[in-house]
Amino acid sequence: MSQNLQYYENLLRKYIQENADTTLKVPVHYLKHPFVDPGSQYAGNLWDWDSFWAVYALFNLADGSGDEERRSRYLLHAKGNVRNFLDYQMEDGYIPMMVATLDQHAGLPEPYLIHKRREGFVTNMHKPFLCQQIALIGGFGGDYEWMRDDYPKLEKYFECYDSGYYNENCGLYVWADDIMIGMDNDPATFGRPKYSTANVFLNAFMVSELKAMAEIAGRLGKPDRAEHYSAKADSLTQAIQAECWDPRDKFFYSVDVDIKTRHFDWFHRGLGVFWKTLPIKIRAWTGFIPLWAGVGNDSQAAHLADDHYADKNTFNSPYGVTTLAQDEKMFDCRATNNPSNWLGPIWIVASYVVFRGLMNYGYREEARELCEKTVLLLGQDLERTGVLHEYYVPGTGEPVMNGGFLNWNLLVVNMMDELAGKPPMCAHWLK
């Protein structure tokens, strides 16, 4: 690492060590347990995959530090995240994607998303990071017993996914709508019909969620259930391979599942629709997530690394991985909330997931390049503004919005540590 990069690495480590604990919150309103929030304008809200990645980064900061008080504090808040979500599990197993505190809906006796579901408004549920957070906690703390009494709730959570979001025809999971889908305005889902998109984000992360559930079940002495969830992860992997991998473009795409022969008298009596899905050929960073989850094979990893990650016309920018390929017609880096903008800006969580996927398959030098770009991006922002921001312009490194945002920006330390040889925090359930 050059002298300049070493300076930024030291600057970032110092800032993050001094400010990481500002993401830790005490119980408030709907949230009865300590929790973690992203900071900035999102203060006081608990989000599903946001809280997972924050804890993933916080545990890395405490791991090996010798600071037992910090370890205990982080474990307390991480367990609180899980318990806060489980507090609002509904009878059918549904768990909300977020729990807001004192917002415009605070006059309700329960969180807004739960209230709307009781009214019959069906939307997406907690993204597949609940069991990953539990496995993360269990591995870091060396204890899964804290989850034993609530284990049946995890079974119901998967039952809800299977009954409400699973497409049996193709073997993939679908989003119910385009609300809070992680990559908020992913064109593969955003603005499209309900239940029509089997998004590769949802399915690839669901593989790692099922692997995490298998780990939890095994640790709690339930070998049959561990085998069941391992088999489900394998089946979903096969479905992703069959439906989402495009052999021509050598890329993992989200797919349209609203495929069937549209009958009209005798016109469709011949060869009907025999394919299960159609690829939605929009290249987003989500196409790299299968490398995080271990879904891809070595040949696919080579194409993703050499043909896609390395391409400066698509994903490879001066400051990291663009969230949408630069030559897509929707590429746009303007500031927006609700939805947040994932149509190209640099998000550190995307860069980390791609980094980890490259490392998983032996593309260390490509991972090193991505780590160094991320250090440069965040280090320059911190030097200029004194804070970190939510997302960035790929070509210039300029922050787009929400100064003071921490959350998954903390993952830059994970990247630096893993490049130096430290195992990733997911190593025990993503083997």
Protein backbone atom coordinates (compact mmCIF):
# COMPACT_ATOMS: atom_id res chain seq x y z
CA MET A 1 0.00 0.00 0.00
CA SER A 2 1.41 3.37 -0.94
CA GLN A 3 2.28 5.96 1.67
CA ASN A 4 -0.86 7.95 0.80
CA LEU A 5 -3.09 4.92 1.15
CA GLN A 6 -1.43 4.03 4.45
CA TYR A 7 -2.23 7.53 5.69
CA TYR A 8 -5.90 7.09 4.74
CA GLU A 9 -6.03 3.65 6.29
CA ASN A 10 -4.75 5.04 9.60
CA LEU A 11 -7.14 7.98 9.36
CA LEU A 12 -10.12 5.70 8.77
CA ARG A 13 -9.20 3.24 11.51
CA LYS A 14 -8.90 6.05 14.03
CA TYR A 15 -12.18 7.70 13.00
CA ILE A 16 -14.09 4.42 12.97
CA GLN A 17 -12.73 3.28 16.33
CA GLU A 18 -13.76 6.62 17.83
CA ASN A 19 -17.22 6.79 16.25
CA ALA A 20 -18.44 3.22 15.77
CA ASP A 21 -20.26 3.16 19.09
CA THR A 22 -22.52 6.03 18.02
CA THR A 23 -24.51 3.40 16.10
CA LEU A 24 -25.46 1.72 19.38
CA LYS A 25 -28.87 2.78 20.69
CA VAL A 26 -30.81 2.24 23.90
CA PRO A 27 -34.38 0.87 23.86
CA VAL A 28 -36.96 3.38 22.68
CA HIS A 29 -40.67 3.27 21.82
CA TYR A 30 -41.41 0.14 19.72
CA LEU A 31 -37.84 -1.12 20.23
CA LYS A 32 -37.70 -2.77 23.64
CA HIS A 33 -34.10 -3.96 23.40
CA PRO A 34 -30.78 -2.25 22.62
CA PHE A 35 -30.20 -2.02 18.87
CA VAL A 36 -27.97 -0.69 16.11
CA ASP A 37 -28.95 2.00 13.61
CA PRO A 38 -27.14 3.38 10.55
CA GLY A 39 -26.68 6.90 11.86
CA SER A 40 -27.26 10.13 9.94
CA GLN A 41 -30.92 10.69 9.03
CA TYR A 42 -31.74 7.07 9.88
CA ALA A 43 -31.14 7.52 13.61
CA GLY A 44 -33.63 5.64 15.76
CA ASN A 45 -34.67 3.08 13.14
CA LEU A 46 -33.83 -0.62 13.02
CA TRP A 47 -33.34 -2.09 9.54
CA ASP A 48 -32.87 -5.72 8.55
CA TRP A 49 -29.79 -6.05 6.35
CA ASP A 50 -28.38 -2.72 7.53
CA SER A 51 -28.18 -3.98 11.12
CA PHE A 52 -26.59 -7.25 9.98
CA TRP A 53 -23.75 -5.49 8.16
CA ALA A 54 -23.24 -3.00 10.98
CA VAL A 55 -22.86 -5.86 13.46
CA TYR A 56 -20.65 -7.74 11.01
CA ALA A 57 -18.30 -4.72 11.00
CA LEU A 58 -18.57 -4.01 14.75
CA PHE A 59 -17.66 -7.59 15.63
CA ASN A 60 -14.62 -7.34 13.39
CA LEU A 61 -13.51 -4.21 15.27
CA ALA A 62 -13.79 -5.98 18.62
CA ASP A 63 -12.42 -9.33 17.47
CA GLY A 64 -8.92 -9.84 18.78
CA SER A 65 -8.90 -6.43 20.47
CA GLY A 66 -8.80 -7.84 23.99
CA ASP A 67 -11.52 -5.36 24.96
CA GLU A 68 -14.04 -7.64 26.64
CA GLU A 69 -16.31 -4.77 27.62
CA ARG A 70 -16.60 -3.74 23.97
CA ARG A 71 -17.27 -7.34 22.90
CA SER A 72 -20.06 -7.64 25.47
CA ARG A 73 -21.57 -4.31 24.43
CA TYR A 74 -21.65 -5.29 20.77
CA LEU A 75 -23.14 -8.70 21.56
CA LEU A 76 -25.85 -7.06 23.68
CA HIS A 77 -26.93 -4.75 20.84
CA ALA A 78 -26.70 -7.44 18.19
CA LYS A 79 -28.92 -9.77 20.18
CA GLY A 80 -31.23 -6.81 20.75
CA ASN A 81 -31.56 -6.36 16.98
CA VAL A 82 -32.79 -9.92 16.62
CA ARG A 83 -35.12 -9.76 19.61
CA ASN A 84 -36.64 -6.49 18.44
CA PHE A 85 -37.52 -8.08 15.11
CA LEU A 86 -38.84 -11.28 16.70
CA ASP A 87 -41.04 -9.20 19.02
CA TYR A 88 -43.10 -8.28 15.95
CA GLN A 89 -43.34 -11.64 14.23
CA MET A 90 -46.94 -12.20 13.16
CA GLU A 91 -48.97 -15.38 13.42
CA ASP A 92 -48.05 -16.51 9.90
CA GLY A 93 -44.32 -16.04 10.54
CA TYR A 94 -44.00 -12.63 8.85
CA ILE A 95 -41.30 -10.33 10.26
CA PRO A 96 -41.07 -6.70 9.11
CA MET A 97 -38.11 -5.26 7.21
CA MET A 98 -37.70 -2.37 9.60
CA VAL A 99 -39.05 -1.01 12.85
CA ALA A 100 -39.28 2.77 13.00
CA THR A 101 -39.44 4.59 16.30
CA LEU A 102 -40.67 8.14 16.69
CA ASP A 103 -41.69 8.82 13.10
CA GLN A 104 -44.97 10.04 11.64
CA HIS A 105 -46.59 6.73 12.47
CA ALA A 106 -45.57 6.72 16.14
CA GLY A 107 -49.15 7.12 17.30
CA LEU A 108 -49.93 3.56 16.24
CA PRO A 109 -49.91 0.82 18.88
CA GLU A 110 -47.50 -1.25 16.74
CA PRO A 111 -44.94 -0.61 13.96
CA TYR A 112 -46.36 0.78 10.75
CA LEU A 113 -45.49 -2.23 8.58
CA ILE A 114 -47.23 -4.59 11.00
CA HIS A 115 -50.25 -2.30 11.13
CA LYS A 116 -50.49 -2.20 7.33
CA ARG A 117 -50.20 -5.99 7.05
CA ARG A 118 -53.06 -6.43 9.50
CA GLU A 119 -55.05 -4.18 7.16
CA GLY A 120 -54.31 -6.62 4.32
CA PHE A 121 -51.44 -4.79 2.64
CA VAL A 122 -48.97 -7.53 1.74
CA THR A 123 -45.42 -6.42 1.09
CA ASN A 124 -41.93 -7.85 1.41
CA MET A 125 -40.75 -9.32 4.68
CA HIS A 126 -37.47 -9.22 6.57
CA LYS A 127 -34.73 -9.75 3.99
CA PRO A 128 -32.70 -12.96 4.37
CA PHE A 129 -30.33 -11.69 7.04
CA LEU A 130 -32.11 -12.72 10.24
CA CYS A 131 -30.43 -16.11 10.60
CA GLN A 132 -27.18 -14.73 9.25
CA GLN A 133 -27.17 -12.21 12.10
CA ILE A 134 -27.97 -14.96 14.60
CA ALA A 135 -25.16 -17.17 13.22
CA LEU A 136 -22.83 -14.16 13.29
CA ILE A 137 -23.67 -13.61 16.96
CA GLY A 138 -23.39 -17.30 17.78
CA GLY A 139 -20.00 -17.65 16.17
CA PHE A 140 -18.58 -14.44 17.62
CA GLY A 141 -19.89 -15.09 21.12
CA GLY A 142 -19.38 -18.85 21.07
CA ASP A 143 -22.96 -19.37 22.20
CA TYR A 144 -26.19 -20.30 20.41
CA GLU A 145 -28.21 -21.19 23.51
CA TRP A 146 -29.56 -17.65 23.76
CA MET A 147 -31.66 -18.46 20.68
CA ARG A 148 -33.01 -21.85 21.79
CA ASP A 149 -36.36 -20.66 23.14
CA ASP A 150 -36.97 -18.56 20.02
CA TYR A 151 -35.88 -21.25 17.56
CA PRO A 152 -39.50 -22.12 16.57
CA LYS A 153 -39.89 -18.53 15.38
CA LEU A 154 -37.12 -19.12 12.86
CA GLU A 155 -38.96 -22.13 11.46
CA LYS A 156 -42.08 -19.99 11.08
CA TYR A 157 -40.05 -17.27 9.36
CA PHE A 158 -38.97 -19.72 6.65
CA GLU A 159 -42.49 -21.14 6.42
CA CYS A 160 -43.73 -17.62 5.65
CA TYR A 161 -41.10 -17.19 2.94
CA ASP A 162 -42.05 -20.54 1.43
CA SER A 163 -45.80 -19.95 1.53
CA GLY A 164 -45.81 -16.33 0.39
CA TYR A 165 -42.69 -15.65 -1.67
CA TYR A 166 -41.64 -18.94 -3.28
CA ASN A 167 -42.30 -19.71 -6.94
CA GLU A 168 -42.61 -23.49 -7.22
CA ASN A 169 -42.40 -23.46 -11.00
CA CYS A 170 -38.79 -22.26 -11.08
CA GLY A 171 -37.66 -22.94 -7.50
CA LEU A 172 -36.77 -19.32 -6.77
CA TYR A 173 -38.02 -16.71 -4.30
CA VAL A 174 -39.76 -13.55 -5.54
CA TRP A 175 -40.28 -10.07 -4.17
CA ALA A 176 -43.90 -9.26 -3.40
CA ASP A 177 -43.37 -5.67 -4.59
CA ASP A 178 -40.61 -3.10 -4.97
CA ILE A 179 -40.64 -1.74 -1.41
CA MET A 180 -37.41 -2.01 0.63
CA ILE A 181 -35.73 -4.55 -1.65
CA GLY A 182 -32.20 -3.78 -0.47
CA MET A 183 -31.04 -2.29 -3.75
CA ASP A 184 -34.00 0.08 -3.53
CA ASN A 185 -34.48 1.07 -7.16
CA ASP A 186 -33.02 -1.98 -8.87
CA PRO A 187 -34.64 -1.82 -12.35
CA ALA A 188 -35.05 -5.60 -12.32
CA THR A 189 -37.75 -5.15 -9.65
CA PHE A 190 -38.47 -1.44 -9.20
CA GLY A 191 -41.69 -0.44 -10.95
CA ARG A 192 -42.45 -3.97 -12.15
CA PRO A 193 -45.55 -6.08 -11.39
CA LYS A 194 -45.97 -7.64 -7.96
CA TYR A 195 -44.54 -11.14 -7.51
CA SER A 196 -42.95 -11.07 -10.97
CA THR A 197 -39.24 -10.84 -10.15
CA ALA A 198 -36.99 -13.53 -8.72
CA ASN A 199 -34.22 -11.11 -7.87
CA VAL A 200 -30.72 -12.52 -7.67
CA PHE A 201 -30.15 -10.36 -4.56
CA LEU A 202 -32.97 -12.14 -2.74
CA ASN A 203 -32.04 -15.62 -3.91
CA ALA A 204 -28.27 -15.51 -3.51
CA PHE A 205 -28.51 -14.04 -0.04
CA MET A 206 -31.24 -16.59 0.74
CA VAL A 207 -28.70 -19.34 0.06
CA SER A 208 -26.42 -17.90 2.74
CA GLU A 209 -29.45 -17.44 5.02
CA LEU A 210 -30.36 -21.12 4.66
CA LYS A 211 -26.76 -22.09 5.37
CA ALA A 212 -26.89 -19.93 8.49
CA MET A 213 -30.11 -21.65 9.60
CA ALA A 214 -28.47 -25.03 9.10
CA GLU A 215 -25.60 -23.86 11.30
CA ILE A 216 -28.02 -22.67 14.01
CA ALA A 217 -30.03 -25.90 13.94
CA GLY A 218 -26.88 -28.00 14.14
CA ARG A 219 -25.51 -26.00 17.05
CA LEU A 220 -28.81 -26.42 18.91
CA GLY A 221 -28.72 -30.20 18.52
CA LYS A 222 -31.22 -30.50 15.68
CA PRO A 223 -29.30 -32.48 13.03
CA ASP A 224 -32.39 -33.37 11.01
CA ARG A 225 -33.34 -29.72 10.65
CA ALA A 226 -29.75 -28.80 9.85
CA GLU A 227 -29.77 -31.35 7.04
CA HIS A 228 -33.15 -30.03 5.86
CA TYR A 229 -31.89 -26.45 5.53
CA SER A 230 -28.62 -27.53 3.95
CA ALA A 231 -30.65 -29.41 1.34
CA LYS A 232 -32.81 -26.33 0.74
CA ALA A 233 -29.66 -24.24 0.22
CA ASP A 234 -28.41 -26.81 -2.31
CA SER A 235 -31.74 -26.84 -4.16
CA LEU A 236 -31.84 -23.06 -4.32
CA THR A 237 -28.26 -23.00 -5.57
CA GLN A 238 -29.26 -25.35 -8.39
CA ALA A 239 -32.25 -23.15 -9.27
CA ILE A 240 -30.03 -20.04 -9.40
CA GLN A 241 -27.63 -21.88 -11.64
CA ALA A 242 -30.42 -23.08 -13.92
CA GLU A 243 -32.39 -19.84 -14.16
CA CYS A 244 -30.14 -16.88 -13.30
CA TRP A 245 -26.80 -17.71 -14.94
CA ASP A 246 -26.73 -16.45 -18.52
CA PRO A 247 -24.39 -18.63 -20.62
CA ARG A 248 -24.03 -15.99 -23.33
CA ASP A 249 -23.31 -12.95 -21.16
CA LYS A 250 -21.58 -14.98 -18.44
CA PHE A 251 -23.44 -13.11 -15.72
CA PHE A 252 -26.04 -13.78 -13.01
CA TYR A 253 -29.29 -11.95 -13.76
CA SER A 254 -32.56 -11.49 -11.90
CA VAL A 255 -35.37 -13.19 -13.79
CA ASP A 256 -39.02 -12.63 -14.67
CA VAL A 257 -41.20 -15.48 -13.39
CA ASP A 258 -44.50 -14.30 -14.90
CA ILE A 259 -44.10 -16.79 -17.73
CA LYS A 260 -46.92 -18.94 -19.07
CA THR A 261 -48.74 -19.76 -22.26
CA ARG A 262 -51.53 -17.22 -22.73
CA HIS A 263 -54.34 -19.37 -24.06
CA PHE A 264 -56.75 -18.13 -26.68
CA ASP A 265 -58.84 -20.77 -28.39
CA TRP A 266 -56.79 -22.88 -30.86
CA PHE A 267 -54.01 -20.35 -31.49
CA HIS A 268 -51.82 -21.71 -28.66
CA ARG A 269 -52.43 -25.44 -29.04
CA GLY A 270 -48.99 -26.00 -30.49
CA LEU A 271 -45.64 -25.64 -28.75
CA GLY A 272 -46.35 -23.52 -25.68
CA VAL A 273 -44.06 -21.85 -23.17
CA PHE A 274 -41.72 -24.48 -21.77
CA TRP A 275 -39.12 -22.12 -20.22
CA LYS A 276 -39.64 -21.25 -16.57
CA THR A 277 -38.23 -17.71 -16.49
CA LEU A 278 -36.88 -14.96 -18.71
CA PRO A 279 -33.67 -13.13 -17.77
CA ILE A 280 -33.99 -9.45 -16.98
CA LYS A 281 -30.77 -8.41 -18.66
CA ILE A 282 -29.82 -5.47 -16.50
CA ARG A 283 -26.30 -5.69 -15.12
CA ALA A 284 -26.27 -4.69 -11.47
CA TRP A 285 -23.81 -5.43 -8.69
CA THR A 286 -26.27 -8.09 -7.53
CA GLY A 287 -24.83 -10.37 -10.23
CA PHE A 288 -21.72 -10.76 -8.05
CA ILE A 289 -23.59 -11.81 -4.88
CA PRO A 290 -23.48 -15.53 -5.83
CA LEU A 291 -19.72 -15.37 -5.21
CA TRP A 292 -20.39 -14.20 -1.64
CA ALA A 293 -22.80 -17.09 -1.06
CA GLY A 294 -20.68 -19.79 -2.72
CA VAL A 295 -23.26 -20.31 -5.47
CA GLY A 296 -20.91 -19.76 -8.40
CA ASN A 297 -18.43 -22.27 -9.79
CA ASP A 298 -14.82 -21.54 -10.68
CA SER A 299 -15.57 -20.87 -14.34
CA GLN A 300 -18.34 -18.44 -13.48
CA ALA A 301 -16.12 -16.67 -10.97
CA ALA A 302 -13.48 -16.23 -13.66
CA HIS A 303 -15.97 -14.57 -15.99
CA LEU A 304 -17.30 -12.33 -13.23
CA ALA A 305 -13.80 -11.27 -12.24
CA ASP A 306 -12.14 -11.01 -15.65
CA ASP A 307 -15.02 -9.96 -17.89
CA HIS A 308 -17.22 -7.90 -15.59
CA TYR A 309 -15.36 -6.66 -12.51
CA ALA A 310 -12.36 -5.64 -14.62
CA ASP A 311 -14.38 -3.81 -17.29
CA LYS A 312 -13.97 -0.04 -16.91
CA ASN A 313 -16.97 0.51 -19.19
CA THR A 314 -19.29 -1.32 -16.81
CA PHE A 315 -18.49 -1.95 -13.13
CA ASN A 316 -14.87 -0.94 -12.61
CA SER A 317 -14.67 2.74 -11.64
CA PRO A 318 -11.89 4.79 -10.06
CA TYR A 319 -13.54 4.49 -6.63
CA GLY A 320 -14.98 0.99 -6.59
CA VAL A 321 -17.77 -1.15 -7.98
CA THR A 322 -20.67 0.74 -9.50
CA THR A 323 -24.03 -0.56 -8.33
CA LEU A 324 -25.33 -0.48 -11.90
CA ALA A 325 -23.18 -0.97 -14.98
CA GLN A 326 -22.10 2.38 -16.37
CA ASP A 327 -23.37 1.60 -19.86
CA GLU A 328 -26.92 0.78 -18.72
CA LYS A 329 -29.51 3.33 -19.86
CA MET A 330 -30.73 3.81 -16.27
CA PHE A 331 -27.29 4.73 -14.90
CA ASP A 332 -27.85 7.82 -12.73
CA CYS A 333 -26.09 9.16 -9.64
CA ARG A 334 -28.42 11.89 -8.43
CA ALA A 335 -29.38 12.25 -4.77
CA THR A 336 -32.64 10.62 -3.72
CA ASN A 337 -34.32 9.04 -0.70
CA ASN A 338 -37.28 6.67 -0.66
CA PRO A 339 -35.93 5.05 -2.70
CA SER A 340 -32.24 5.49 -2.11
CA ASN A 341 -30.29 5.57 -5.35
CA TRP A 342 -28.57 2.34 -6.41
CA LEU A 343 -28.48 3.14 -10.12
CA GLY A 344 -24.71 3.46 -10.21
CA PRO A 345 -23.38 5.23 -7.10
CA ILE A 346 -20.72 3.56 -4.97
CA TRP A 347 -22.15 1.91 -1.87
CA ILE A 348 -19.57 0.40 0.47
CA VAL A 349 -21.70 -2.67 1.21
CA ALA A 350 -21.73 -3.54 -2.50
CA SER A 351 -17.97 -3.07 -2.70
CA TYR A 352 -17.49 -5.32 0.35
CA VAL A 353 -19.71 -8.11 -0.98
CA VAL A 354 -17.88 -8.07 -4.32
CA PHE A 355 -14.53 -7.92 -2.48
CA ARG A 356 -15.44 -10.94 -0.36
CA GLY A 357 -16.66 -12.86 -3.40
CA LEU A 358 -13.39 -12.20 -5.23
CA MET A 359 -11.43 -13.35 -2.19
CA ASN A 360 -13.56 -16.50 -1.90
CA TYR A 361 -12.54 -17.62 -5.38
CA GLY A 362 -8.88 -16.64 -5.21
CA TYR A 363 -8.95 -13.27 -7.02
CA ARG A 364 -6.79 -11.62 -4.43
CA GLU A 365 -5.20 -8.94 -6.58
CA GLU A 366 -8.59 -7.80 -7.87
CA ALA A 367 -9.79 -7.73 -4.26
CA ARG A 368 -6.72 -5.72 -3.27
CA GLU A 369 -7.50 -3.16 -5.97
CA LEU A 370 -11.07 -2.84 -4.72
CA CYS A 371 -9.95 -2.46 -1.12
CA GLU A 372 -7.47 0.26 -2.03
CA LYS A 373 -10.08 2.16 -4.04
CA THR A 374 -12.45 1.99 -1.08
CA VAL A 375 -9.79 3.26 1.33
CA LEU A 376 -9.02 6.11 -1.07
CA LEU A 377 -12.70 6.99 -1.48
CA LEU A 378 -13.57 7.08 2.20
CA GLY A 379 -10.23 8.49 3.30
CA GLN A 380 -10.49 11.45 0.95
CA ASP A 381 -14.07 12.09 2.03
CA LEU A 382 -13.11 12.02 5.69
CA GLU A 383 -10.15 14.30 5.07
CA ARG A 384 -12.26 16.85 3.17
CA THR A 385 -15.51 16.81 5.12
CA GLY A 386 -14.70 15.29 8.51
CA VAL A 387 -17.40 12.60 8.10
CA LEU A 388 -18.42 9.72 5.84
CA HIS A 389 -21.45 9.73 3.54
CA GLU A 390 -24.06 7.22 2.42
CA TYR A 391 -23.03 6.86 -1.23
CA TYR A 392 -20.66 8.36 -3.79
CA VAL A 393 -20.19 9.32 -7.45
CA PRO A 394 -18.06 6.58 -9.05
CA GLY A 395 -15.99 8.76 -11.36
CA THR A 396 -15.07 11.53 -8.93
CA GLY A 397 -15.51 10.12 -5.45
CA GLU A 398 -17.76 13.04 -4.51
CA PRO A 399 -20.21 12.23 -1.70
CA VAL A 400 -23.85 12.32 -2.78
CA MET A 401 -25.76 12.70 0.48
CA ASN A 402 -26.28 11.97 4.19
CA GLY A 403 -23.11 13.06 5.92
CA GLY A 404 -22.46 11.23 9.17
CA PHE A 405 -23.64 7.89 7.79
CA LEU A 406 -21.66 5.01 9.33
CA ASN A 407 -23.35 1.60 9.18
CA TRP A 408 -21.78 -0.54 6.45
CA ASN A 409 -19.13 2.10 5.72
CA LEU A 410 -17.40 0.42 8.67
CA LEU A 411 -16.80 -2.58 6.37
CA VAL A 412 -13.75 -0.82 4.96
CA VAL A 413 -11.91 -2.09 8.05
CA ASN A 414 -13.07 -5.65 7.32
CA MET A 415 -11.63 -5.31 3.82
CA MET A 416 -8.27 -4.12 5.10
CA ASP A 417 -8.12 -6.82 7.77
CA GLU A 418 -9.17 -9.66 5.47
CA LEU A 419 -6.66 -8.62 2.85
CA ALA A 420 -4.02 -8.88 5.60
CA GLY A 421 -5.10 -12.46 6.30
CA LYS A 422 -7.85 -12.22 8.90
CA PRO A 423 -10.74 -14.68 8.28
CA PRO A 424 -14.08 -13.06 7.41
CA MET A 425 -16.74 -12.86 10.08
CA CYS A 426 -18.97 -15.19 8.01
CA ALA A 427 -16.38 -17.99 7.83
CA HIS A 428 -18.18 -20.40 10.16
CA TRP A 429 -21.48 -20.56 8.26
CA LEU A 430 -20.32 -19.80 4.72
CA LYS A 431 -17.78 -22.60 4.48
